[in-house]
């Protein structure tokens, strides 16, 4: 067991890592909980966090050179950083306090100077975590979780064209034990029409 003294906590916080390395945080108030969450996120995932904020801000080419320009243009075209700035500008005081505590936890880890090896290999030091960075990472994650809409549309169209049994036979992930809800007739055409008419 290791005791670490960090500035920024209001009361003592206990972080226990189980035998899988998963942190369990015990705090007496929400701000300390989010501070500790930021600290352990940085302990475990600082390079990933920094990479995601760079991707979201359109700044990945600063690390990888010209090969990152297409990704930077993509992020800037969609305006992920601008959307994140608008989002954090409109949070209420409670959310602002929690996001601030999280930011301070990340930066408390950065101040210790124990950076993951990726930073040494790439010969750079990450910038302090900013309030908006958390929202930028959220935008990148949201995009990553939303890109299967085309697959879902194809599945819906297959249901319309082939019926449930044949459509499910074409799905490599389908297992006969899965619980399914068979949609009514023509759901794929309605979904496709709604999506295509929104562009």
Protein backbone atom coordinates (compact mmCIF):
# COMPACT_ATOMS: atom_id res chain seq x y z
CA UNK A 1 0.00 0.00 0.00
CA UNK A 2 1.35 3.40 -1.02
CA UNK A 3 0.30 6.74 0.46
CA UNK A 4 0.51 9.73 -1.88
CA UNK A 5 -0.09 13.28 -0.73
CA UNK A 6 -1.68 15.45 -3.42
CA UNK A 7 -2.69 19.08 -3.27
CA UNK A 8 -6.26 19.69 -4.33
CA UNK A 9 -8.12 17.11 -2.25
CA UNK A 10 -10.53 18.31 0.40
CA UNK A 11 -10.54 15.08 2.38
CA UNK A 12 -8.61 11.79 2.30
CA UNK A 13 -9.34 9.51 -0.66
CA UNK A 14 -8.57 5.82 -0.85
CA UNK A 15 -7.74 4.14 -4.16
CA UNK A 16 -7.49 0.38 -4.04
CA UNK A 17 -6.39 -1.55 -7.09
CA UNK A 18 -7.72 -5.08 -7.25
CA UNK A 19 -5.73 -8.05 -8.54
CA UNK A 20 -6.63 -7.05 -12.13
CA UNK A 21 -5.27 -3.54 -11.56
CA UNK A 22 -8.72 -1.94 -11.65
CA UNK A 23 -8.87 1.10 -9.36
CA UNK A 24 -11.66 1.35 -6.79
CA UNK A 25 -12.01 4.89 -5.48
CA UNK A 26 -13.47 5.74 -2.09
CA UNK A 27 -14.06 9.45 -1.53
CA UNK A 28 -16.19 11.49 0.83
CA UNK A 29 -17.37 14.05 -1.73
CA UNK A 30 -17.93 14.26 -5.48
CA UNK A 31 -15.11 16.71 -6.20
CA UNK A 32 -12.52 14.47 -4.54
CA UNK A 33 -13.96 11.47 -6.36
CA UNK A 34 -13.55 13.19 -9.74
CA UNK A 35 -10.08 14.45 -8.80
CA UNK A 36 -9.05 10.87 -8.02
CA UNK A 37 -10.71 9.63 -11.21
CA UNK A 38 -8.66 12.10 -13.25
CA UNK A 39 -5.51 11.03 -11.43
CA UNK A 40 -6.01 7.30 -12.06
CA UNK A 41 -7.12 7.90 -15.65
CA UNK A 42 -3.82 9.70 -16.22
CA UNK A 43 -1.91 6.96 -14.40
CA UNK A 44 -3.39 4.28 -16.65
CA UNK A 45 -4.17 6.04 -19.92
CA UNK A 46 -2.35 9.36 -20.26
CA UNK A 47 -0.94 8.64 -23.71
CA UNK A 48 -4.34 7.51 -24.98
CA UNK A 49 -5.97 10.60 -23.43
CA UNK A 50 -3.40 12.89 -25.03
CA UNK A 51 -3.77 11.14 -28.39
CA UNK A 52 -7.56 11.45 -28.29
CA UNK A 53 -7.48 15.14 -27.43
CA UNK A 54 -5.02 15.70 -30.29
CA UNK A 55 -7.23 13.76 -32.70
CA UNK A 56 -10.29 15.73 -31.56
CA UNK A 57 -8.53 19.08 -31.82
CA UNK A 58 -7.04 18.29 -35.23
CA UNK A 59 -3.48 18.26 -33.88
CA UNK A 60 -2.28 14.70 -34.50
CA UNK A 61 0.09 15.77 -37.30
CA UNK A 62 2.15 17.63 -34.67
CA UNK A 63 3.23 14.16 -33.53
CA UNK A 64 3.26 12.08 -36.69
CA UNK A 65 3.99 14.70 -39.35
CA UNK A 66 2.28 14.98 -42.74
CA UNK A 67 0.67 11.52 -42.46
CA UNK A 68 -1.66 13.00 -39.83
CA UNK A 69 -2.94 15.90 -41.94
CA UNK A 70 -5.96 14.01 -43.31
CA UNK A 71 -7.10 13.14 -39.78
CA UNK A 72 -6.54 16.74 -38.66
CA UNK A 73 -8.57 18.11 -41.56
CA UNK A 74 -11.35 15.63 -40.78
CA UNK A 75 -11.52 16.68 -37.10
CA UNK A 76 -11.44 20.36 -37.97
CA UNK A 77 -14.07 19.95 -40.70
CA UNK A 78 -16.45 18.39 -38.18
CA UNK A 79 -15.49 21.01 -35.60
CA UNK A 80 -15.08 18.65 -32.65
CA UNK A 81 -13.02 21.14 -30.64
CA UNK A 82 -15.44 24.00 -31.36
CA UNK A 83 -18.37 21.79 -30.32
CA UNK A 84 -16.50 20.88 -27.12
CA UNK A 85 -15.84 24.56 -26.37
CA UNK A 86 -19.53 25.36 -26.77
CA UNK A 87 -20.45 22.40 -24.60
CA UNK A 88 -18.21 23.37 -21.69
CA UNK A 89 -19.15 27.05 -21.96
CA UNK A 90 -22.73 26.08 -21.20
CA UNK A 91 -22.32 23.68 -18.28
CA UNK A 92 -23.88 24.54 -14.95
CA UNK A 93 -21.83 25.33 -11.85
CA UNK A 94 -22.02 21.81 -10.44
CA UNK A 95 -20.79 20.22 -13.67
CA UNK A 96 -18.07 22.86 -13.95
CA UNK A 97 -16.86 22.03 -10.42
CA UNK A 98 -16.73 18.33 -11.22
CA UNK A 99 -14.96 18.81 -14.54
CA UNK A 100 -12.51 21.14 -12.86
CA UNK A 101 -11.79 18.54 -10.18
CA UNK A 102 -11.20 15.91 -12.87
CA UNK A 103 -8.84 18.26 -14.73
CA UNK A 104 -6.93 18.98 -11.54
CA UNK A 105 -6.56 15.25 -10.90
CA UNK A 106 -5.09 14.67 -14.35
CA UNK A 107 -2.71 17.58 -13.87
CA UNK A 108 -1.71 16.33 -10.42
CA UNK A 109 -0.47 13.17 -12.09
CA UNK A 110 1.33 15.19 -14.79
CA UNK A 111 3.08 17.24 -12.13
CA UNK A 112 4.61 14.08 -10.69
CA UNK A 113 6.59 13.69 -13.91
CA UNK A 114 6.14 9.91 -14.17
CA UNK A 115 5.16 9.83 -17.83
CA UNK A 116 4.37 6.68 -19.79
CA UNK A 117 7.11 5.39 -22.08
CA UNK A 118 5.30 6.56 -25.25
CA UNK A 119 6.16 10.17 -24.40
CA UNK A 120 9.84 9.28 -24.09
CA UNK A 121 9.79 7.42 -27.39
CA UNK A 122 8.12 10.33 -29.16
CA UNK A 123 10.31 12.86 -27.31
CA UNK A 124 7.61 15.20 -26.10
CA UNK A 125 5.92 16.20 -22.87
CA UNK A 126 2.13 16.45 -22.83
CA UNK A 127 0.55 19.82 -22.19
CA UNK A 128 -1.45 20.33 -18.99
CA UNK A 129 -4.99 18.99 -19.21
CA UNK A 130 -7.48 21.74 -20.02
CA UNK A 131 -11.12 22.01 -19.10
CA UNK A 132 -12.18 21.58 -22.73
CA UNK A 133 -9.98 18.50 -23.30
CA UNK A 134 -12.42 16.23 -21.49
CA UNK A 135 -15.22 17.31 -23.83
CA UNK A 136 -12.96 16.93 -26.89
CA UNK A 137 -12.19 13.34 -25.88
CA UNK A 138 -15.94 12.81 -25.43
CA UNK A 139 -16.55 14.01 -28.99
CA UNK A 140 -13.95 11.59 -30.37
CA UNK A 141 -15.44 8.70 -28.40
CA UNK A 142 -18.97 9.62 -29.51
CA UNK A 143 -17.85 9.58 -33.14
CA UNK A 144 -16.18 6.22 -32.65
CA UNK A 145 -19.33 4.76 -31.16
CA UNK A 146 -21.63 6.12 -33.87
CA UNK A 147 -19.97 4.91 -37.04
CA UNK A 148 -21.97 1.71 -37.37
CA UNK A 149 -25.10 3.49 -38.62
CA UNK A 150 -24.41 2.25 -42.16
CA UNK A 151 -24.23 -1.36 -40.94
CA UNK A 152 -27.48 -0.93 -39.02
CA UNK A 153 -29.13 0.53 -42.12
CA UNK A 154 -27.99 -2.40 -44.27
CA UNK A 155 -29.34 -4.84 -41.67
CA UNK A 156 -32.69 -3.06 -41.68
CA UNK A 157 -32.85 -3.15 -45.49
CA UNK A 158 -31.94 -6.87 -45.47
CA UNK A 159 -34.81 -7.51 -43.06
CA UNK A 160 -37.19 -5.81 -45.48
CA UNK A 161 -35.85 -7.58 -48.56
CA UNK A 162 -35.20 -11.08 -47.19
CA UNK A 163 -37.18 -11.44 -44.00
CA UNK A 164 -35.79 -12.10 -40.52
CA UNK A 165 -34.55 -15.68 -40.99
CA UNK A 166 -32.54 -15.09 -44.16
CA UNK A 167 -31.25 -11.72 -42.91
CA UNK A 168 -30.04 -13.30 -39.68
CA UNK A 169 -28.37 -16.11 -41.66
CA UNK A 170 -26.22 -13.44 -43.34
CA UNK A 171 -25.09 -12.01 -40.01
CA UNK A 172 -21.82 -13.55 -38.87
CA UNK A 173 -22.49 -12.37 -35.31
CA UNK A 174 -25.92 -13.91 -35.03
CA UNK A 175 -26.35 -16.70 -32.49
CA UNK A 176 -29.60 -18.60 -32.23
CA UNK A 177 -29.68 -17.95 -28.48
CA UNK A 178 -29.68 -14.13 -28.89
CA UNK A 179 -32.84 -12.42 -27.77
CA UNK A 180 -34.21 -10.51 -30.74
CA UNK A 181 -37.14 -8.29 -31.52
CA UNK A 182 -38.35 -8.72 -35.06
CA UNK A 183 -39.43 -5.33 -36.44
CA UNK A 184 -42.61 -4.74 -38.35
CA UNK A 185 -42.69 -4.76 -42.15
CA UNK A 186 -40.77 -2.07 -44.03
CA UNK A 187 -38.82 -0.71 -41.04
CA UNK A 188 -35.67 -0.64 -43.17
CA UNK A 189 -37.26 1.46 -45.89
CA UNK A 190 -38.62 3.94 -43.35
CA UNK A 191 -35.24 4.17 -41.60
CA UNK A 192 -33.35 4.55 -44.86
CA UNK A 193 -35.76 7.20 -46.09
CA UNK A 194 -35.47 9.18 -42.87
CA UNK A 195 -31.67 9.02 -42.90
CA UNK A 196 -31.27 9.82 -46.58
CA UNK A 197 -33.77 12.67 -46.47
CA UNK A 198 -31.88 14.29 -43.59
CA UNK A 199 -28.82 14.93 -45.82
